[in-house]
C-alpha atoms as a PDB file:
ATOM      1  CA  SER A   1      15.215  19.413   0.668  1.00  0.00           C
ATOM      2  CA  PRO A   2      12.573  22.061   1.447  1.00  0.00           C
ATOM      3  CA  GLU A   3      10.467  19.513   3.359  1.00  0.00           C
ATOM      4  CA  PHE A   4      11.068  20.730   6.918  1.00  0.00           C
ATOM      5  CA  HIS A   5      10.499  24.381   6.034  1.00  0.00           C
ATOM      6  CA  MET A   6       7.286  23.624   4.154  1.00  0.00           C
ATOM      7  CA  LYS A   7       5.932  21.690   7.121  1.00  0.00           C
ATOM      8  CA  ARG A   8       6.654  24.674   9.339  1.00  0.00           C
ATOM      9  CA  LEU A   9       4.530  26.796   6.987  1.00  0.00           C
ATOM     10  CA  LEU A  10       1.706  24.254   7.120  1.00  0.00           C
ATOM     11  CA  ALA A  11       1.826  24.216  10.923  1.00  0.00           C
ATOM     12  CA  ASP A  12       1.625  28.024  10.807  1.00  0.00           C
ATOM     13  CA  GLY A  13      -1.685  27.848   8.954  1.00  0.00           C
ATOM     14  CA  TYR A  14      -0.746  27.939   5.272  1.00  0.00           C
ATOM     15  CA  PRO A  15      -3.120  26.135   2.844  1.00  0.00           C
ATOM     16  CA  ASP A  16      -2.039  23.737   0.068  1.00  0.00           C
ATOM     17  CA  ILE A  17       1.483  24.801  -0.899  1.00  0.00           C
ATOM     18  CA  TYR A  18       4.172  23.969  -3.454  1.00  0.00           C
ATOM     19  CA  THR A  19       7.736  24.901  -4.307  1.00  0.00           C
ATOM     20  CA  ILE A  20      10.082  24.406  -7.260  1.00  0.00           C
ATOM     21  CA  CYS A  21      13.683  24.678  -6.134  1.00  0.00           C
ATOM     22  CA  ARG A  22      17.227  23.377  -6.452  1.00  0.00           C
ATOM     23  CA  VAL A  23      18.161  20.630  -4.004  1.00  0.00           C
ATOM     24  CA  PHE A  24      21.336  18.702  -3.243  1.00  0.00           C
ATOM     25  CA  ARG A  25      22.132  15.061  -2.514  1.00  0.00           C
ATOM     26  CA  ASP A  26      25.748  14.118  -1.993  1.00  0.00           C
ATOM     27  CA  GLY A  27      27.191  10.770  -3.018  1.00  0.00           C
ATOM     28  CA  GLU A  28      24.942   9.922  -5.975  1.00  0.00           C
ATOM     29  CA  LYS A  29      25.848  10.469  -9.609  1.00  0.00           C
ATOM     30  CA  GLY A  30      24.872   8.397 -12.615  1.00  0.00           C
ATOM     31  CA  ARG A  31      22.373   8.003 -15.446  1.00  0.00           C
ATOM     32  CA  GLN A  32      19.473   8.985 -13.178  1.00  0.00           C
ATOM     33  CA  HIS A  33      21.298  10.904 -10.441  1.00  0.00           C
ATOM     34  CA  LEU A  34      22.954  14.305 -10.143  1.00  0.00           C
ATOM     35  CA  PRO A  35      24.248  15.836  -6.883  1.00  0.00           C
ATOM     36  CA  GLU A  36      22.264  19.006  -7.695  1.00  0.00           C
ATOM     37  CA  PHE A  37      18.830  18.826  -9.271  1.00  0.00           C
ATOM     38  CA  THR A  38      15.410  20.487  -9.432  1.00  0.00           C
ATOM     39  CA  MET A  39      12.593  19.335  -7.182  1.00  0.00           C
ATOM     40  CA  ILE A  40       8.876  20.033  -7.374  1.00  0.00           C
ATOM     41  CA  GLU A  41       7.402  19.487  -3.913  1.00  0.00           C
ATOM     42  CA  TRP A  42       3.826  20.069  -2.830  1.00  0.00           C
ATOM     43  CA  TYR A  43       1.457  19.364   0.058  1.00  0.00           C
ATOM     44  CA  ARG A  44      -2.304  18.845   0.116  1.00  0.00           C
ATOM     45  CA  LEU A  45      -4.355  19.315   3.267  1.00  0.00           C
ATOM     46  CA  ALA A  46      -6.924  16.750   4.402  1.00  0.00           C
ATOM     47  CA  THR A  47      -6.067  14.093   1.822  1.00  0.00           C
ATOM     48  CA  ASN A  48      -5.134  10.430   2.115  1.00  0.00           C
ATOM     49  CA  LEU A  49      -2.629   8.180   0.360  1.00  0.00           C
ATOM     50  CA  ASP A  50      -4.886   7.443  -2.604  1.00  0.00           C
ATOM     51  CA  GLY A  51      -5.619  11.158  -2.950  1.00  0.00           C
ATOM     52  CA  ILE A  52      -1.994  12.276  -3.159  1.00  0.00           C
ATOM     53  CA  ILE A  53      -1.189   9.383  -5.508  1.00  0.00           C
ATOM     54  CA  ALA A  54      -4.011  10.439  -7.857  1.00  0.00           C
ATOM     55  CA  ASP A  55      -2.822  14.043  -7.638  1.00  0.00           C
ATOM     56  CA  THR A  56       0.712  13.045  -8.619  1.00  0.00           C
ATOM     57  CA  LEU A  57      -0.380  10.775 -11.458  1.00  0.00           C
ATOM     58  CA  GLN A  58      -2.480  13.581 -12.933  1.00  0.00           C
ATOM     59  CA  MET A  59       0.431  16.005 -12.657  1.00  0.00           C
ATOM     60  CA  ILE A  60       2.793  13.627 -14.473  1.00  0.00           C
ATOM     61  CA  ALA A  61       0.227  12.808 -17.170  1.00  0.00           C
ATOM     62  CA  PHE A  62      -0.474  16.517 -17.727  1.00  0.00           C
ATOM     63  CA  VAL A  63       3.197  17.425 -18.145  1.00  0.00           C
ATOM     64  CA  LEU A  64       3.794  14.488 -20.492  1.00  0.00           C
ATOM     65  CA  GLU A  65       0.596  15.343 -22.427  1.00  0.00           C
ATOM     66  CA  HIS A  66      -0.624  11.768 -22.110  1.00  0.00           C
ATOM     67  CA  THR A  67      -3.815  11.661 -20.040  1.00  0.00           C
ATOM     68  CA  ASP A  68      -4.142   7.868 -20.283  1.00  0.00           C
ATOM     69  CA  LEU A  69      -0.949   7.457 -18.234  1.00  0.00           C
ATOM     70  CA  ALA A  70      -2.831   8.285 -15.039  1.00  0.00           C
ATOM     71  CA  SER A  71      -5.836   6.043 -15.652  1.00  0.00           C
ATOM     72  CA  ASN A  72      -3.688   3.138 -16.890  1.00  0.00           C
ATOM     73  CA  ALA A  73      -1.108   3.290 -14.089  1.00  0.00           C
ATOM     74  CA  SER A  74      -0.373   0.017 -12.317  1.00  0.00           C
ATOM     75  CA  ARG A  75      -0.832   0.178  -8.534  1.00  0.00           C
ATOM     76  CA  ARG A  76       1.039  -2.382  -6.438  1.00  0.00           C
ATOM     77  CA  ASP A  77       1.732  -2.894  -2.760  1.00  0.00           C
ATOM     78  CA  TYR A  78       5.427  -3.153  -1.879  1.00  0.00           C
ATOM     79  CA  CYS A  79       4.928  -6.603  -0.325  1.00  0.00           C
ATOM     80  CA  ASP A  80       3.044  -7.850  -3.386  1.00  0.00           C
ATOM     81  CA  CYS A  81       5.967  -6.866  -5.635  1.00  0.00           C
ATOM     82  CA  PHE A  82       8.216  -9.295  -3.766  1.00  0.00           C
ATOM     83  CA  VAL A  83       5.626 -12.069  -3.780  1.00  0.00           C
ATOM     84  CA  ASP A  84       4.684 -11.637  -7.447  1.00  0.00           C
ATOM     85  CA  GLU A  85       8.219 -11.365  -8.818  1.00  0.00           C
ATOM     86  CA  LEU A  86      10.252 -13.457  -6.365  1.00  0.00           C
ATOM     87  CA  GLN A  87       7.791 -15.514  -4.316  1.00  0.00           C
ATOM     88  CA  ILE A  88       9.145 -14.199  -1.002  1.00  0.00           C
ATOM     89  CA  ASP A  89       7.535 -12.204   1.798  1.00  0.00           C
ATOM     90  CA  SER A  90       9.511  -9.002   2.323  1.00  0.00           C
ATOM     91  CA  ARG A  91       8.190  -8.761   5.897  1.00  0.00           C
ATOM     92  CA  THR A  92       9.382 -12.169   7.092  1.00  0.00           C
ATOM     93  CA  ALA A  93      12.237 -13.266   4.778  1.00  0.00           C
ATOM     94  CA  SER A  94      15.561 -13.767   6.555  1.00  0.00           C
ATOM     95  CA  ILE A  95      18.751 -11.948   5.599  1.00  0.00           C
ATOM     96  CA  GLN A  96      19.957 -15.257   4.157  1.00  0.00           C
ATOM     97  CA  ASP A  97      16.827 -15.492   1.995  1.00  0.00           C
ATOM     98  CA  LEU A  98      17.337 -11.932   0.734  1.00  0.00           C
ATOM     99  CA  ALA A  99      21.030 -12.524   0.010  1.00  0.00           C
ATOM    100  CA  GLU A 100      20.193 -15.610  -2.039  1.00  0.00           C
ATOM    101  CA  VAL A 101      17.786 -13.623  -4.222  1.00  0.00           C
ATOM    102  CA  VAL A 102      20.684 -11.519  -5.540  1.00  0.00           C
ATOM    103  CA  ALA A 103      23.207 -14.395  -5.458  1.00  0.00           C
ATOM    104  CA  ALA A 104      25.310 -12.298  -3.081  1.00  0.00           C
ATOM    105  CA  ASP A 105      29.012 -13.073  -2.863  1.00  0.00           C
ATOM    106  CA  GLU A 106      30.988 -12.801   0.366  1.00  0.00           C
ATOM    107  CA  GLN A 107      32.055  -9.223  -0.309  1.00  0.00           C
ATOM    108  CA  LEU A 108      28.455  -8.064  -0.759  1.00  0.00           C
ATOM    109  CA  ARG A 109      27.354  -9.975   2.335  1.00  0.00           C
ATOM    110  CA  ARG A 110      30.041  -8.243   4.385  1.00  0.00           C
ATOM    111  CA  SER A 111      29.146  -4.861   2.901  1.00  0.00           C
ATOM    112  CA  LEU A 112      25.406  -5.052   3.652  1.00  0.00           C
ATOM    113  CA  GLY A 113      25.659  -7.218   6.760  1.00  0.00           C
ATOM    114  CA  ASP A 114      22.361  -7.447   8.611  1.00  0.00           C
ATOM    115  CA  ASP A 115      20.984  -4.162   7.246  1.00  0.00           C
ATOM    116  CA  ARG A 116      17.624  -5.505   6.168  1.00  0.00           C
ATOM    117  CA  ASP A 117      16.530  -2.340   4.384  1.00  0.00           C
ATOM    118  CA  ALA A 118      19.760  -2.243   2.373  1.00  0.00           C
ATOM    119  CA  TRP A 119      19.042  -5.773   1.119  1.00  0.00           C
ATOM    120  CA  LEU A 120      15.433  -4.874   0.309  1.00  0.00           C
ATOM    121  CA  ASP A 121      16.551  -1.739  -1.563  1.00  0.00           C
ATOM    122  CA  LEU A 122      19.045  -3.766  -3.586  1.00  0.00           C
ATOM    123  CA  ILE A 123      16.431  -6.357  -4.508  1.00  0.00           C
ATOM    124  CA  MET A 124      13.910  -3.689  -5.426  1.00  0.00           C
ATOM    125  CA  ALA A 125      16.428  -1.918  -7.679  1.00  0.00           C
ATOM    126  CA  THR A 126      17.900  -4.989  -9.381  1.00  0.00           C
ATOM    127  CA  ARG A 127      15.159  -7.613  -9.408  1.00  0.00           C
ATOM    128  CA  ILE A 128      11.796  -5.860  -9.208  1.00  0.00           C
ATOM    129  CA  VAL A 129      11.940  -2.402 -10.815  1.00  0.00           C
ATOM    130  CA  PRO A 130      13.447  -3.819 -14.065  1.00  0.00           C
ATOM    131  CA  GLN A 131      10.217  -5.836 -14.440  1.00  0.00           C
ATOM    132  CA  PHE A 132       8.002  -2.728 -14.501  1.00  0.00           C
ATOM    133  CA  SER A 133       6.322  -1.830 -17.786  1.00  0.00           C
ATOM    134  CA  ALA A 134       8.721   0.273 -19.858  1.00  0.00           C
ATOM    135  CA  SER A 135       6.055   2.619 -21.232  1.00  0.00           C
ATOM    136  CA  SER A 136       3.650   3.197 -18.358  1.00  0.00           C
ATOM    137  CA  LEU A 137       3.515   4.407 -14.771  1.00  0.00           C
ATOM    138  CA  THR A 138       3.848   2.061 -11.809  1.00  0.00           C
ATOM    139  CA  VAL A 139       2.844   3.052  -8.287  1.00  0.00           C
ATOM    140  CA  VAL A 140       4.430   1.157  -5.402  1.00  0.00           C
ATOM    141  CA  LYS A 141       2.802   1.867  -2.047  1.00  0.00           C
ATOM    142  CA  HIS A 142       2.871   0.754   1.590  1.00  0.00           C
ATOM    143  CA  TYR A 143       6.617   0.502   2.112  1.00  0.00           C
ATOM    144  CA  PRO A 144       8.016  -1.163   5.260  1.00  0.00           C
ATOM    145  CA  ALA A 145       7.696   0.992   8.380  1.00  0.00           C
ATOM    146  CA  SER A 146      11.496   0.866   8.658  1.00  0.00           C
ATOM    147  CA  GLN A 147      11.587   2.876   5.403  1.00  0.00           C
ATOM    148  CA  ALA A 148       8.895   5.336   6.449  1.00  0.00           C
ATOM    149  CA  ALA A 149      11.129   8.449   6.538  1.00  0.00           C
ATOM    150  CA  LEU A 150       8.551  10.967   7.844  1.00  0.00           C
ATOM    151  CA  ALA A 151       5.467   9.067   6.693  1.00  0.00           C
ATOM    152  CA  ARG A 152       2.880   7.926   9.189  1.00  0.00           C
ATOM    153  CA  ASN A 153       2.495   4.207   9.779  1.00  0.00           C
ATOM    154  CA  CYS A 154      -0.495   2.603   8.070  1.00  0.00           C
ATOM    155  CA  PRO A 155      -3.571   2.694  10.328  1.00  0.00           C
ATOM    156  CA  HIS A 156      -4.425  -0.888   9.322  1.00  0.00           C
ATOM    157  CA  ASP A 157      -0.911  -2.356   9.720  1.00  0.00           C
ATOM    158  CA  ALA A 158       1.816  -0.699  11.801  1.00  0.00           C
ATOM    159  CA  ARG A 159       4.459  -2.780   9.980  1.00  0.00           C
ATOM    160  CA  LEU A 160       3.836  -0.649   6.885  1.00  0.00           C
ATOM    161  CA  ALA A 161       4.090   3.056   6.079  1.00  0.00           C
ATOM    162  CA  ASP A 162       1.672   5.253   4.130  1.00  0.00           C
ATOM    163  CA  ARG A 163       4.414   5.990   1.615  1.00  0.00           C
ATOM    164  CA  PHE A 164       4.559   5.565  -2.170  1.00  0.00           C
ATOM    165  CA  GLU A 165       6.853   5.911  -5.157  1.00  0.00           C
ATOM    166  CA  ILE A 166       5.926   6.355  -8.822  1.00  0.00           C
ATOM    167  CA  TYR A 167       8.038   4.988 -11.670  1.00  0.00           C
ATOM    168  CA  TYR A 168       7.970   5.388 -15.422  1.00  0.00           C
ATOM    169  CA  GLY A 169       9.652   2.214 -16.576  1.00  0.00           C
ATOM    170  CA  GLU A 170      12.730   2.005 -14.342  1.00  0.00           C
ATOM    171  CA  ILE A 171      12.886   5.760 -13.668  1.00  0.00           C
ATOM    172  CA  GLU A 172      11.683   6.801 -10.222  1.00  0.00           C
ATOM    173  CA  LEU A 173       9.806  10.067 -10.710  1.00  0.00           C
ATOM    174  CA  ALA A 174       8.129  10.791  -7.382  1.00  0.00           C
ATOM    175  CA  ASN A 175       8.223   9.865  -3.714  1.00  0.00           C
ATOM    176  CA  GLY A 176       5.541  10.872  -1.244  1.00  0.00           C
ATOM    177  CA  TYR A 177       3.491   9.989   1.795  1.00  0.00           C
ATOM    178  CA  VAL A 178       0.803  10.850   4.278  1.00  0.00           C
ATOM    179  CA  GLU A 179       2.674  12.922   6.824  1.00  0.00           C
ATOM    180  CA  LEU A 180       3.642  11.835  10.314  1.00  0.00           C
ATOM    181  CA  ARG A 181       2.063  14.157  12.916  1.00  0.00           C
ATOM    182  CA  ASP A 182       3.151  12.469  16.166  1.00  0.00           C
ATOM    183  CA  THR A 183       5.971  14.405  17.882  1.00  0.00           C
ATOM    184  CA  LYS A 184       7.055  11.463  20.060  1.00  0.00           C
ATOM    185  CA  GLU A 185       7.409   9.236  17.002  1.00  0.00           C
ATOM    186  CA  LEU A 186       9.284  11.991  15.168  1.00  0.00           C
ATOM    187  CA  LEU A 187      11.795  12.231  18.039  1.00  0.00           C
ATOM    188  CA  ARG A 188      12.189   8.449  18.128  1.00  0.00           C
ATOM    189  CA  ARG A 189      12.971   8.351  14.406  1.00  0.00           C
ATOM    190  CA  MET A 190      15.400  11.265  14.665  1.00  0.00           C
ATOM    191  CA  ASP A 191      17.254   9.576  17.535  1.00  0.00           C
ATOM    192  CA  ASN A 192      17.326   6.290  15.625  1.00  0.00           C
ATOM    193  CA  ASP A 193      18.799   8.016  12.556  1.00  0.00           C
ATOM    194  CA  LEU A 194      21.489   9.653  14.716  1.00  0.00           C
ATOM    195  CA  GLU A 195      22.371   6.304  16.274  1.00  0.00           C
ATOM    196  CA  ILE A 196      22.737   4.726  12.829  1.00  0.00           C
ATOM    197  CA  ARG A 197      25.040   7.566  11.748  1.00  0.00           C
ATOM    198  CA  ARG A 198      27.165   7.074  14.862  1.00  0.00           C
ATOM    199  CA  LYS A 199      27.487   3.343  14.199  1.00  0.00           C
ATOM    200  CA  LEU A 200      28.535   4.036  10.603  1.00  0.00           C
ATOM    201  CA  GLY A 201      31.089   6.622  11.700  1.00  0.00           C
ATOM    202  CA  LEU A 202      29.259   9.429   9.910  1.00  0.00           C
ATOM    203  CA  PRO A 203      29.040  13.006  11.214  1.00  0.00           C
ATOM    204  CA  THR A 204      26.018  13.521  13.433  1.00  0.00           C
ATOM    205  CA  VAL A 205      23.658  16.419  12.840  1.00  0.00           C
ATOM    206  CA  PRO A 206      21.552  18.240  15.430  1.00  0.00           C
ATOM    207  CA  ARG A 207      17.845  17.559  15.609  1.00  0.00           C
ATOM    208  CA  ASP A 208      15.775  20.176  13.811  1.00  0.00           C
ATOM    209  CA  GLU A 209      14.182  21.925  16.779  1.00  0.00           C
ATOM    210  CA  HIS A 210      12.112  24.168  14.496  1.00  0.00           C
ATOM    211  CA  LEU A 211      10.419  21.135  12.935  1.00  0.00           C
ATOM    212  CA  ILE A 212       9.847  19.609  16.373  1.00  0.00           C
ATOM    213  CA  ALA A 213       8.248  22.855  17.553  1.00  0.00           C
ATOM    214  CA  ALA A 214       6.055  22.968  14.440  1.00  0.00           C
ATOM    215  CA  MET A 215       4.927  19.401  15.071  1.00  0.00           C
ATOM    216  CA  ASP A 216       4.145  20.277  18.686  1.00  0.00           C
ATOM    217  CA  ALA A 217       2.146  23.291  17.521  1.00  0.00           C
ATOM    218  CA  GLY A 218       0.055  21.007  15.341  1.00  0.00           C
ATOM    219  CA  LEU A 219       0.834  19.902  11.807  1.00  0.00           C
ATOM    220  CA  PRO A 220      -2.526  19.565  10.021  1.00  0.00           C
ATOM    221  CA  GLU A 221      -3.587  16.334   8.348  1.00  0.00           C
ATOM    222  CA  CYS A 222      -1.803  16.415   5.012  1.00  0.00           C
ATOM    223  CA  ALA A 223       0.148  14.471   2.431  1.00  0.00           C
ATOM    224  CA  GLY A 224       3.137  15.565   0.396  1.00  0.00           C
ATOM    225  CA  VAL A 225       5.185  14.486  -2.580  1.00  0.00           C
ATOM    226  CA  ALA A 226       8.516  15.337  -4.187  1.00  0.00           C
ATOM    227  CA  LEU A 227       8.913  14.963  -7.958  1.00  0.00           C
ATOM    228  CA  GLY A 228      12.211  15.092  -9.839  1.00  0.00           C
ATOM    229  CA  PHE A 229      11.937  17.748 -12.553  1.00  0.00           C
ATOM    230  CA  GLU A 230      14.893  16.565 -14.659  1.00  0.00           C
ATOM    231  CA  ARG A 231      13.714  12.959 -14.528  1.00  0.00           C
ATOM    232  CA  LEU A 232      10.314  14.033 -15.781  1.00  0.00           C
ATOM    233  CA  HIS A 233      12.088  15.756 -18.668  1.00  0.00           C
ATOM    234  CA  MET A 234      14.026  12.531 -19.324  1.00  0.00           C
ATOM    235  CA  VAL A 235      10.737  10.739 -19.910  1.00  0.00           C
ATOM    236  CA  ALA A 236       9.348  13.582 -22.033  1.00  0.00           C
ATOM    237  CA  ALA A 237      12.496  13.640 -24.180  1.00  0.00           C
ATOM    238  CA  GLY A 238      12.800   9.861 -24.393  1.00  0.00           C
ATOM    239  CA  VAL A 239      16.383   9.753 -23.088  1.00  0.00           C
ATOM    240  CA  ASN A 240      17.876   7.397 -20.509  1.00  0.00           C
ATOM    241  CA  ASP A 241      20.663   9.609 -19.157  1.00  0.00           C
ATOM    242  CA  ILE A 242      19.883  12.669 -17.050  1.00  0.00           C
ATOM    243  CA  ARG A 243      23.023  14.398 -18.331  1.00  0.00           C
ATOM    244  CA  ASN A 244      21.441  14.565 -21.787  1.00  0.00           C
ATOM    245  CA  ILE A 245      18.851  17.089 -20.623  1.00  0.00           C
ATOM    246  CA  VAL A 246      21.059  19.222 -18.341  1.00  0.00           C
ATOM    247  CA  SER A 247      23.349  21.823 -19.913  1.00  0.00           C
ATOM    248  CA  PHE A 248      26.056  21.671 -17.248  1.00  0.00           C
ATOM    249  CA  ALA A 249      26.176  18.233 -15.630  1.00  0.00           C
END
């Protein structure tokens, strides 16, 4: 991902910026996933969550030549999705409650264990996203703080993150947030990620000292978003398999 490098540019005084580039994600391949794909990523200075969401909706609607998509998009809080579809509170439900939602067998329970976010991700993918309108855009915002990535925590509720995703039907098109600007919190999250990798027996990676230095220098107030180019073409072409719009998949 170009994210860290783009933030270094912003900290160095660049204005609103964007990039279109090839990116890589190991371990995922399927109807909506390729290990190598094209990403459109951009950052807006001095904007909030609603601003970057509106920006992204307009971009998607423009590319798809369907202006009503932006104005008719459904906007939902992450917590409300769980209450509306499953009548559970994602913030307080126990692991047992979450396992029962997906009728988890013993093998799945052992696999996910007490990884709360893994259970929430599974429920979102299998029980909630399939309920989204098949022919319109759905915005899900205010994810749990444990899934913040590099989003700031919500000013009004530290249990939540100023992060969003946009779907067309069941296809996730974009993922963005208001950017974290606190160096101490960045270091805490980096150390937490390294500890999780150690526990899982995965190779550890060094902290990105360049990003830390950029944050120390002063990342301006901004929000950013990454949009999957091939997935956007899937919607435009009306196909449900990403391999149908890539020549060499």
